[in-house]
Protein backbone atom coordinates (compact mmCIF):
# COMPACT_ATOMS: atom_id res chain seq x y z
CA UNK A 1 4.96 40.97 -14.14
CA UNK A 2 7.92 39.84 -16.37
CA UNK A 3 7.70 37.73 -19.31
CA UNK A 4 9.32 34.90 -17.30
CA UNK A 5 6.81 35.17 -14.62
CA UNK A 6 3.99 34.93 -17.05
CA UNK A 7 5.24 31.92 -19.33
CA UNK A 8 7.58 30.02 -17.07
CA UNK A 9 6.52 30.14 -13.38
CA UNK A 10 3.74 28.36 -12.21
CA UNK A 11 2.81 28.61 -8.57
CA UNK A 12 1.31 25.60 -6.86
CA UNK A 13 -2.00 27.24 -5.71
CA UNK A 14 -2.57 28.33 -9.22
CA UNK A 15 -2.13 24.78 -10.34
CA UNK A 16 -4.32 23.58 -7.64
CA UNK A 17 -7.06 25.97 -8.70
CA UNK A 18 -6.63 24.70 -12.40
CA UNK A 19 -6.96 21.15 -11.38
CA UNK A 20 -10.15 21.79 -9.53
CA UNK A 21 -11.60 23.30 -12.50
CA UNK A 22 -9.99 20.82 -15.06
CA UNK A 23 -9.74 17.56 -13.11
CA UNK A 24 -8.40 15.44 -16.02
CA UNK A 25 -6.35 17.90 -17.91
CA UNK A 26 -2.86 17.64 -19.11
CA UNK A 27 -0.04 19.54 -17.73
CA UNK A 28 -0.04 21.95 -20.90
CA UNK A 29 -3.69 22.70 -20.38
CA UNK A 30 -3.37 23.36 -16.61
CA UNK A 31 -0.68 25.91 -17.64
CA UNK A 32 -3.07 27.31 -19.99
CA UNK A 33 -5.56 27.90 -17.52
CA UNK A 34 -3.22 29.62 -15.29
CA UNK A 35 -2.10 32.14 -18.00
CA UNK A 36 -5.54 32.88 -18.96
CA UNK A 37 -6.75 33.30 -15.49
CA UNK A 38 -3.79 35.78 -14.93
CA UNK A 39 -4.63 37.65 -18.07
CA UNK A 40 -8.20 37.81 -16.67
CA UNK A 41 -7.04 39.35 -13.34
CA UNK A 42 -4.92 41.88 -15.32
CA UNK A 43 -7.92 43.00 -17.37
CA UNK A 44 -10.12 43.28 -14.52
CA UNK A 45 -7.57 45.71 -12.79
CA UNK A 46 -7.17 47.54 -16.24
CA UNK A 47 -11.08 47.70 -16.55
CA UNK A 48 -11.62 49.01 -12.86
CA UNK A 49 -8.98 51.67 -13.27
CA UNK A 50 -10.41 52.79 -16.58
CA UNK A 51 -13.92 53.10 -15.38
CA UNK A 52 -12.72 54.84 -12.19
CA UNK A 53 -11.52 57.68 -14.31
CA UNK A 54 -14.14 57.44 -17.07
CA UNK A 55 -17.36 56.48 -15.27
CA UNK A 56 -20.93 56.01 -16.71
CA UNK A 57 -23.99 54.00 -15.69
CA UNK A 58 -23.28 50.99 -18.09
CA UNK A 59 -19.66 50.85 -16.56
CA UNK A 60 -21.07 49.27 -13.51
CA UNK A 61 -22.89 46.67 -15.53
CA UNK A 62 -19.61 45.76 -17.16
CA UNK A 63 -17.73 45.74 -14.21
CA UNK A 64 -20.35 43.40 -12.50
CA UNK A 65 -20.02 40.91 -15.27
CA UNK A 66 -16.15 41.15 -15.50
CA UNK A 67 -15.64 40.54 -11.86
CA UNK A 68 -18.09 37.65 -11.71
CA UNK A 69 -16.29 36.00 -14.70
CA UNK A 70 -13.03 36.47 -12.82
CA UNK A 71 -14.15 34.85 -9.68
CA UNK A 72 -15.87 32.30 -11.64
CA UNK A 73 -12.45 31.12 -13.33
CA UNK A 74 -14.42 31.38 -16.66
CA UNK A 75 -11.39 32.59 -18.82
CA UNK A 76 -8.95 29.76 -17.49
CA UNK A 77 -11.63 27.22 -18.41
CA UNK A 78 -12.15 28.27 -21.97
CA UNK A 79 -9.61 30.05 -24.50
CA UNK A 80 -12.28 30.96 -26.80
CA UNK A 81 -14.42 32.38 -23.91
CA UNK A 82 -11.33 34.30 -22.88
CA UNK A 83 -10.81 35.63 -26.42
CA UNK A 84 -14.37 36.89 -26.51
CA UNK A 85 -14.04 38.50 -23.09
CA UNK A 86 -10.71 40.07 -24.41
CA UNK A 87 -12.54 41.36 -27.42
CA UNK A 88 -14.90 43.61 -25.32
CA UNK A 89 -12.27 45.17 -23.29
CA UNK A 90 -12.36 48.98 -23.49
CA UNK A 91 -8.48 49.23 -22.93
CA UNK A 92 -5.45 47.55 -24.33
CA UNK A 93 -2.64 45.86 -21.89
CA UNK A 94 -1.23 49.53 -21.29
CA UNK A 95 -4.60 50.89 -20.23
CA UNK A 96 -5.06 53.11 -23.08
CA UNK A 97 -8.51 53.10 -25.08
CA UNK A 98 -8.30 50.14 -27.46
CA UNK A 99 -10.53 51.50 -30.38
CA UNK A 100 -11.25 54.96 -31.66
CA UNK A 101 -14.96 54.39 -30.28
CA UNK A 102 -13.40 53.89 -26.75
CA UNK A 103 -11.30 56.98 -27.33
CA UNK A 104 -14.40 58.90 -28.07
CA UNK A 105 -15.96 57.51 -24.87
CA UNK A 106 -13.06 58.76 -22.83
CA UNK A 107 -13.14 62.06 -24.36
CA UNK A 108 -16.98 62.41 -23.54
CA UNK A 109 -15.97 61.69 -19.84
CA UNK A 110 -12.89 64.13 -19.73
CA UNK A 111 -15.09 66.90 -21.23
CA UNK A 112 -17.71 66.28 -18.31
CA UNK A 113 -20.44 65.53 -20.89
CA UNK A 114 -23.73 64.49 -19.38
CA UNK A 115 -24.09 60.91 -18.11
CA UNK A 116 -26.63 60.22 -21.01
CA UNK A 117 -24.24 61.22 -23.64
CA UNK A 118 -21.48 59.10 -22.00
CA UNK A 119 -23.89 55.94 -21.94
CA UNK A 120 -24.44 56.34 -25.60
CA UNK A 121 -20.60 56.39 -26.46
CA UNK A 122 -20.40 53.40 -24.16
CA UNK A 123 -23.07 51.59 -26.00
CA UNK A 124 -21.74 52.45 -29.30
CA UNK A 125 -18.16 51.31 -28.53
CA UNK A 126 -19.30 48.07 -26.67
CA UNK A 127 -21.60 47.20 -29.58
CA UNK A 128 -18.86 47.55 -32.10
CA UNK A 129 -16.63 45.27 -29.86
CA UNK A 130 -19.30 42.69 -29.82
CA UNK A 131 -19.81 42.71 -33.44
CA UNK A 132 -16.21 42.58 -34.27
CA UNK A 133 -15.92 39.66 -31.67
CA UNK A 134 -18.54 37.76 -33.50
CA UNK A 135 -17.06 38.37 -36.96
CA UNK A 136 -13.92 37.18 -35.88
CA UNK A 137 -15.80 33.85 -34.67
CA UNK A 138 -14.95 33.99 -31.06
CA UNK A 139 -18.48 33.20 -30.01
CA UNK A 140 -19.04 30.39 -32.51
CA UNK A 141 -15.70 28.84 -31.38
CA UNK A 142 -16.79 28.97 -27.71
CA UNK A 143 -20.37 27.47 -28.52
CA UNK A 144 -18.51 24.51 -30.56
CA UNK A 145 -16.18 23.93 -27.75
CA UNK A 146 -19.12 23.93 -25.20
CA UNK A 147 -20.86 21.34 -27.16
CA UNK A 148 -17.98 18.96 -26.54
CA UNK A 149 -18.22 19.61 -22.78
CA UNK A 150 -22.07 19.66 -22.55
CA UNK A 151 -22.22 17.32 -19.66
CA UNK A 152 -19.82 19.15 -17.45
CA UNK A 153 -21.42 21.37 -14.90
CA UNK A 154 -18.85 24.08 -15.07
CA UNK A 155 -19.06 24.42 -18.88
CA UNK A 156 -22.87 24.54 -18.54
CA UNK A 157 -22.32 27.65 -16.31
CA UNK A 158 -20.17 29.28 -18.97
CA UNK A 159 -22.95 28.76 -21.55
CA UNK A 160 -25.48 30.14 -19.29
CA UNK A 161 -23.35 33.28 -18.62
CA UNK A 162 -23.11 33.68 -22.55
CA UNK A 163 -26.57 33.46 -22.80
CA UNK A 164 -27.38 35.95 -20.17
CA UNK A 165 -25.20 38.39 -21.66
CA UNK A 166 -24.33 38.16 -25.36
CA UNK A 167 -27.20 35.85 -26.08
CA UNK A 168 -29.76 38.44 -25.13
CA UNK A 169 -28.47 40.96 -27.39
CA UNK A 170 -30.62 40.50 -30.61
CA UNK A 171 -30.72 43.97 -32.00
CA UNK A 172 -27.13 45.07 -31.84
CA UNK A 173 -26.66 44.99 -35.81
CA UNK A 174 -29.96 46.92 -36.17
CA UNK A 175 -28.57 49.38 -33.68
CA UNK A 176 -25.11 49.71 -35.59
CA UNK A 177 -26.89 50.10 -38.75
CA UNK A 178 -29.27 52.97 -37.24
CA UNK A 179 -32.58 51.24 -37.59
CA UNK A 180 -32.97 50.96 -33.67
CA UNK A 181 -31.43 53.45 -31.24
CA UNK A 182 -28.45 51.97 -29.48
CA UNK A 183 -30.21 52.64 -25.97
CA UNK A 184 -33.21 50.46 -26.97
CA UNK A 185 -31.13 47.60 -28.07
CA UNK A 186 -29.22 47.68 -24.77
CA UNK A 187 -32.50 48.04 -22.92
CA UNK A 188 -34.00 45.11 -24.61
CA UNK A 189 -30.65 43.00 -23.65
CA UNK A 190 -30.85 44.19 -20.20
CA UNK A 191 -34.59 43.26 -19.70
CA UNK A 192 -34.08 39.81 -21.35
CA UNK A 193 -30.99 39.20 -19.31
CA UNK A 194 -32.79 39.99 -15.87
CA UNK A 195 -35.72 37.77 -17.05
CA UNK A 196 -33.32 34.71 -18.03
CA UNK A 197 -31.34 35.29 -14.70
CA UNK A 198 -34.43 35.31 -12.48
CA UNK A 199 -36.10 32.53 -14.09
CA UNK A 200 -33.53 29.98 -14.80
CA UNK A 201 -30.12 31.25 -13.70
CA UNK A 202 -30.20 30.54 -10.05
CA UNK A 203 -27.48 27.91 -10.29
CA UNK A 204 -25.29 30.60 -12.04
CA UNK A 205 -26.22 32.95 -9.32
CA UNK A 206 -25.21 30.40 -6.60
CA UNK A 207 -21.84 29.83 -8.22
CA UNK A 208 -21.01 33.43 -8.08
CA UNK A 209 -22.35 34.05 -4.52
CA UNK A 210 -20.20 31.13 -3.31
CA UNK A 211 -17.18 32.28 -5.24
CA UNK A 212 -17.54 35.62 -3.87
CA UNK A 213 -17.95 34.30 -0.26
CA UNK A 214 -14.76 32.15 -0.50
CA UNK A 215 -12.74 34.98 -2.07
CA UNK A 216 -13.79 37.13 0.89
CA UNK A 217 -13.04 34.65 3.60
CA UNK A 218 -10.37 32.25 2.21
CA UNK A 219 -8.57 33.97 -0.68
CA UNK A 220 -6.13 31.56 -2.62
CA UNK A 221 -4.71 33.74 -5.65
CA UNK A 222 -1.02 34.03 -5.79
CA UNK A 223 -0.30 37.73 -5.36
CA UNK A 224 1.46 39.52 -8.17
CA UNK A 225 1.93 42.95 -9.18
CA UNK A 226 -0.56 44.20 -11.61
CA UNK A 227 -3.01 41.29 -11.12
CA UNK A 228 -6.18 41.94 -9.00
CA UNK A 229 -6.47 39.85 -5.81
CA UNK A 230 -9.33 37.58 -4.88
CA UNK A 231 -10.67 39.80 -2.20
CA UNK A 232 -10.52 42.96 -4.32
CA UNK A 233 -12.33 41.01 -7.20
CA UNK A 234 -15.01 40.26 -4.74
CA UNK A 235 -15.39 43.88 -3.36
CA UNK A 236 -15.67 45.02 -7.16
CA UNK A 237 -18.36 42.63 -7.69
CA UNK A 238 -20.13 43.59 -4.49
CA UNK A 239 -19.82 47.32 -5.31
CA UNK A 240 -20.83 47.18 -8.84
CA UNK A 241 -23.82 45.07 -7.83
CA UNK A 242 -25.15 47.66 -5.39
CA UNK A 243 -24.72 50.34 -8.24
CA UNK A 244 -25.63 48.51 -11.35
CA UNK A 245 -29.28 49.56 -10.56
CA UNK A 246 -28.51 52.96 -12.06
CA UNK A 247 -28.45 51.31 -15.42
CA UNK A 248 -32.34 51.46 -15.07
CA UNK A 249 -31.99 54.88 -16.28
CA UNK A 250 -30.52 53.59 -19.54
CA UNK A 251 -33.41 51.09 -19.82
CA UNK A 252 -36.06 53.83 -19.36
CA UNK A 253 -34.32 56.25 -22.00
CA UNK A 254 -33.98 53.14 -24.36
CA UNK A 255 -37.73 52.34 -24.09
CA UNK A 256 -38.48 55.90 -24.78
CA UNK A 257 -35.90 56.17 -27.64
CA UNK A 258 -37.71 53.10 -29.28
CA UNK A 259 -40.57 55.18 -30.02
CA UNK A 260 -38.71 58.19 -31.78
CA UNK A 261 -38.32 56.25 -35.15
CA UNK A 262 -35.42 55.60 -37.17
CA UNK A 263 -32.15 57.67 -36.72
CA UNK A 264 -31.54 59.90 -39.95
CA UNK A 265 -28.23 60.61 -41.76
CA UNK A 266 -27.19 64.13 -42.27
CA UNK A 267 -27.93 63.69 -45.85
CA UNK A 268 -31.67 62.90 -45.26
CA UNK A 269 -34.15 65.88 -45.63
CA UNK A 270 -37.82 66.83 -45.33
CA UNK A 271 -39.33 69.52 -47.46
CA UNK A 272 -41.12 71.09 -44.57
CA UNK A 273 -41.02 74.74 -45.42
CA UNK A 274 -41.84 74.18 -48.97
CA UNK A 275 -44.92 72.16 -48.26
CA UNK A 276 -46.05 74.78 -45.44
CA UNK A 277 -45.20 77.94 -47.26
CA UNK A 278 -45.90 77.24 -50.99
CA UNK A 279 -44.48 79.70 -53.26
CA UNK A 280 -43.36 82.06 -50.43
CA UNK A 281 -40.46 79.67 -49.70
CA UNK A 282 -38.58 81.49 -52.57
CA UNK A 283 -38.19 84.36 -50.41
CA UNK A 284 -36.47 82.30 -47.62
CA UNK A 285 -32.59 82.05 -47.34
CA UNK A 286 -31.26 78.80 -48.72
CA UNK A 287 -29.54 78.25 -45.14
CA UNK A 288 -32.88 78.55 -43.31
CA UNK A 289 -34.36 76.13 -45.75
CA UNK A 290 -31.63 73.71 -45.42
CA UNK A 291 -31.84 73.85 -41.53
CA UNK A 292 -35.39 72.97 -41.56
CA UNK A 293 -34.82 70.19 -44.08
CA UNK A 294 -32.69 68.32 -41.28
CA UNK A 295 -31.81 70.08 -38.13
CA UNK A 296 -29.74 67.04 -36.94
CA UNK A 297 -27.03 67.95 -39.66
CA UNK A 298 -26.30 71.28 -37.72
CA UNK A 299 -23.84 71.54 -34.82
CA UNK A 300 -25.43 73.85 -32.17
CA UNK A 301 -24.84 75.73 -29.00
CA UNK A 302 -27.21 78.00 -27.05
CA UNK A 303 -27.57 80.44 -24.25
CA UNK A 304 -30.83 81.40 -22.19
CA UNK A 305 -31.78 84.23 -20.34
CA UNK A 306 -34.73 84.97 -18.07
CA UNK A 307 -36.27 88.36 -17.44
CA UNK A 308 -36.82 87.82 -13.63
CA UNK A 309 -36.13 85.46 -10.76
CA UNK A 310 -39.97 84.42 -10.92
CA UNK A 311 -39.41 83.52 -14.42
CA UNK A 312 -36.59 81.38 -13.67
CA UNK A 313 -38.36 79.62 -10.92
CA UNK A 314 -41.25 78.76 -13.16
CA UNK A 315 -38.85 77.39 -15.74
CA UNK A 316 -37.41 75.17 -13.02
CA UNK A 317 -40.53 73.82 -11.92
CA UNK A 318 -41.69 73.28 -15.59
CA UNK A 319 -38.52 71.36 -16.16
CA UNK A 320 -38.86 69.21 -13.20
CA UNK A 321 -42.43 68.46 -13.90
CA UNK A 322 -42.10 67.70 -17.63
CA UNK A 323 -38.59 66.44 -17.87
CA UNK A 324 -38.21 68.99 -20.79
CA UNK A 325 -36.84 72.49 -20.90
CA UNK A 326 -34.12 74.13 -19.10
CA UNK A 327 -33.44 76.93 -16.42
CA UNK A 328 -29.70 77.65 -16.54
CA UNK A 329 -29.53 81.42 -17.08
CA UNK A 330 -26.73 83.83 -17.84
CA UNK A 331 -24.30 84.81 -20.65
CA UNK A 332 -22.69 81.37 -20.88
CA UNK A 333 -22.94 79.45 -24.06
CA UNK A 334 -24.01 75.55 -23.57
CA UNK A 335 -22.73 73.08 -26.14
CA UNK A 336 -25.49 70.74 -27.21
CA UNK A 337 -26.58 68.75 -30.31
CA UNK A 338 -29.90 68.47 -32.61
CA UNK A 339 -30.93 64.93 -33.54
CA UNK A 340 -33.59 64.13 -36.00
CA UNK A 341 -35.42 60.77 -36.52
CA UNK A 342 -38.03 59.65 -39.08
CA UNK A 343 -41.43 58.30 -37.68
CA UNK A 344 -43.24 55.54 -39.40
CA UNK A 345 -45.55 57.91 -41.03
CA UNK A 346 -42.61 60.01 -42.42
CA UNK A 347 -42.76 63.01 -39.98
CA UNK A 348 -39.67 64.30 -38.28
CA UNK A 349 -39.05 63.83 -34.72
CA UNK A 350 -36.85 66.57 -33.48
CA UNK A 351 -34.63 66.42 -30.35
CA UNK A 352 -32.79 69.49 -28.89
CA UNK A 353 -30.25 68.64 -26.24
CA UNK A 354 -27.95 70.95 -24.39
CA UNK A 355 -25.12 70.07 -21.97
CA UNK A 356 -25.70 72.23 -19.05
CA UNK A 357 -22.91 71.88 -16.32
CA UNK A 358 -22.99 68.11 -16.73
CA UNK A 359 -26.82 67.80 -16.75
CA UNK A 360 -28.76 66.95 -20.00
CA UNK A 361 -31.59 69.39 -21.07
CA UNK A 362 -33.73 68.56 -23.90
CA UNK A 363 -36.73 69.60 -25.92
CA UNK A 364 -38.39 66.36 -27.63
CA UNK A 365 -41.05 66.85 -30.27
CA UNK A 366 -42.35 66.11 -33.76
CA UNK A 367 -42.81 68.47 -36.70
CA UNK A 368 -45.72 67.34 -38.86
CA UNK A 369 -47.95 68.89 -41.59
CA UNK A 370 -51.58 68.97 -41.47
CA UNK A 371 -52.82 70.29 -44.83
CA UNK A 372 -50.64 73.38 -45.01
CA UNK A 373 -50.20 73.95 -41.51
CA UNK A 374 -46.99 73.27 -39.59
CA UNK A 375 -47.55 71.67 -36.14
CA UNK A 376 -45.28 70.98 -33.21
CA UNK A 377 -46.40 67.98 -31.41
CA UNK A 378 -45.25 67.08 -28.11
CA UNK A 379 -46.34 63.24 -27.98
CA UNK A 380 -45.23 62.54 -24.42
CA UNK A 381 -47.30 65.28 -22.91
CA UNK A 382 -50.19 65.22 -25.43
CA UNK A 383 -49.67 68.70 -26.65
CA UNK A 384 -50.14 70.13 -30.07
CA UNK A 385 -49.19 73.78 -30.93
CA UNK A 386 -50.20 75.00 -34.52
CA UNK A 387 -47.33 77.16 -35.84
CA UNK A 388 -48.05 80.18 -38.24
CA UNK A 389 -44.91 80.61 -40.58
CA UNK A 390 -44.26 84.02 -42.23
CA UNK A 391 -41.05 85.35 -44.01
CA UNK A 392 -38.84 87.99 -42.46
CA UNK A 393 -37.18 90.65 -44.60
CA UNK A 394 -33.74 89.28 -44.26
CA UNK A 395 -34.57 85.88 -45.66
CA UNK A 396 -35.47 84.45 -42.12
CA UNK A 397 -38.66 83.10 -40.94
CA UNK A 398 -40.82 83.56 -37.83
CA UNK A 399 -42.68 80.67 -36.35
CA UNK A 400 -45.41 81.95 -34.01
CA UNK A 401 -47.45 79.85 -31.76
CA UNK A 402 -51.12 79.61 -32.68
CA UNK A 403 -53.76 77.19 -31.10
CA UNK A 404 -52.57 75.00 -28.41
CA UNK A 405 -54.45 71.63 -27.81
CA UNK A 406 -53.97 69.06 -25.02
CA UNK A 407 -55.24 65.62 -26.12
CA UNK A 408 -57.46 67.56 -28.61
CA UNK A 409 -58.75 69.98 -25.94
CA UNK A 410 -58.10 73.77 -27.00
CA UNK A 411 -56.25 75.37 -24.20
CA UNK A 412 -56.30 79.30 -23.34
CA UNK A 413 -53.97 81.19 -25.81
CA UNK A 414 -50.78 80.40 -23.81
CA UNK A 415 -49.14 78.99 -27.05
CA UNK A 416 -49.70 82.57 -28.68
CA UNK A 417 -46.68 83.76 -26.57
CA UNK A 418 -44.25 81.29 -28.06
CA UNK A 419 -42.27 82.79 -30.99
CA UNK A 420 -39.02 81.71 -32.93
CA UNK A 421 -37.24 83.39 -35.40
CA UNK A 422 -34.79 81.55 -37.65
CA UNK A 423 -32.29 84.04 -39.21
CA UNK A 424 -29.41 83.66 -41.51
CA UNK A 425 -26.12 84.80 -39.86
CA UNK A 426 -24.58 88.07 -41.30
CA UNK A 427 -21.02 87.14 -40.16
CA UNK A 428 -20.87 83.34 -41.01
CA UNK A 429 -22.24 82.03 -44.22
CA UNK A 430 -22.69 78.72 -42.52
CA UNK A 431 -24.56 79.46 -39.60
CA UNK A 432 -28.33 80.18 -38.63
CA UNK A 433 -29.41 81.87 -35.62
CA UNK A 434 -32.52 80.52 -33.85
CA UNK A 435 -34.19 83.10 -31.36
CA UNK A 436 -36.98 81.94 -29.27
CA UNK A 437 -38.92 83.91 -26.88
CA UNK A 438 -41.76 83.09 -24.62
CA UNK A 439 -44.33 85.67 -23.20
CA UNK A 440 -47.64 85.06 -21.15
CA UNK A 441 -49.55 86.14 -24.51
CA UNK A 442 -48.92 87.65 -27.83
CA UNK A 443 -49.74 91.12 -26.17
CA UNK A 444 -47.22 90.99 -23.62
CA UNK A 445 -44.35 93.36 -24.37
CA UNK A 446 -41.39 92.01 -22.33
CA UNK A 447 -40.65 88.22 -22.81
CA UNK A 448 -40.23 85.95 -19.71
CA UNK A 449 -37.24 84.39 -21.21
CA UNK A 450 -35.16 83.99 -24.36
CA UNK A 451 -33.02 81.26 -25.83
CA UNK A 452 -30.60 81.64 -28.52
CA UNK A 453 -29.22 78.80 -30.69
CA UNK A 454 -26.30 79.13 -33.01
CA UNK A 455 -26.41 76.46 -35.59
CA UNK A 456 -23.51 75.69 -37.53
CA UNK A 457 -23.83 73.63 -40.93
CA UNK A 458 -21.87 70.38 -40.65
CA UNK A 459 -21.59 69.22 -44.43
CA UNK A 460 -22.04 65.56 -44.61
CA UNK A 461 -18.98 63.56 -45.02
């Protein structure tokens, strides 16, 4: 629509809709309603187009809320509410990412990164938007305006919508500060929103249901290029309602992430090797010491090979049953990342993630010291593997599996077939190579499988 259409032309059906929502409003207020509602319809179209190209699970939740707000005419009713909604839009009026965080999210989608990574990027970008909107005073301005209309039914619905969405977000600031994982903050907000909606939100749900039914059967919005029609808004609401359940995966991941501890900075460090090796640590290359001080400060890629089809089938079964590991095989190198978290007891929680053809493969464990013995603990599965640490001639170290316990019960010597060699690269002074092999036992000659990580030091900015 041209500037004249936006500012000077007001169609009778739009003004009738404004009068229904604001029965005693002035002509100027009615015109403001129409313009804000047009902006909302434009934003919904841009949002749907952006998420069609850049999908993730949280995008369906955002589309559900945005289409409900559009059908509810909420932007038209309140200018501060409209500003608050515009503040959490991922794109500008041209359809391009509005912030660097949304550009990073779009890049993650373009690169085909796993859905879990895209969800994380979405959460970070959205939280930054919400925090910025609150800092600018949009939420406070809306609540102040709402108090002046507290006896009006439509305004009570607006307040209820804000309480169901932004009002359930208690931990956003903690997540942005790194004290709480972003997935955990969103998981808490989703759970609280569902509880509030099912316990006290029936009037709001009825309002949305009636608006959707009316949009499908008796659409009234004036048609204009670039603006979402009433029927399309209703179909967007219904389709996103049917697919928003996939955000349950984000909830489960958020609950799990809550127990990982506090996310660390690249400058954080542990003295694992010095404590486990004592004076012998002086023989270890500085790069290897730096790596085990904080693996999360390193960029990583990896490849994996299996010695036989049987070994690969076993890896596939183990991955499906445990939720950890990988079975992708071949000469390809997969990108990935290392992440570290600090437990309440000070121990390191170490997450290794690889992006394998759009799927996320992970290994999730704690590194703890008990006396002078280094242990790798898989808390979720109740496994505790003692690690014997020795120095290699080139300044690398060997981690060899020792006693394996399951909930304290000593298992057969399967863990002794696990070995990792962490070696300083001979060709790159900022790289270490981590080569892991798995055998049935320490006496077996040929390994069942081998994984090769290339970790590149990423100096803290």
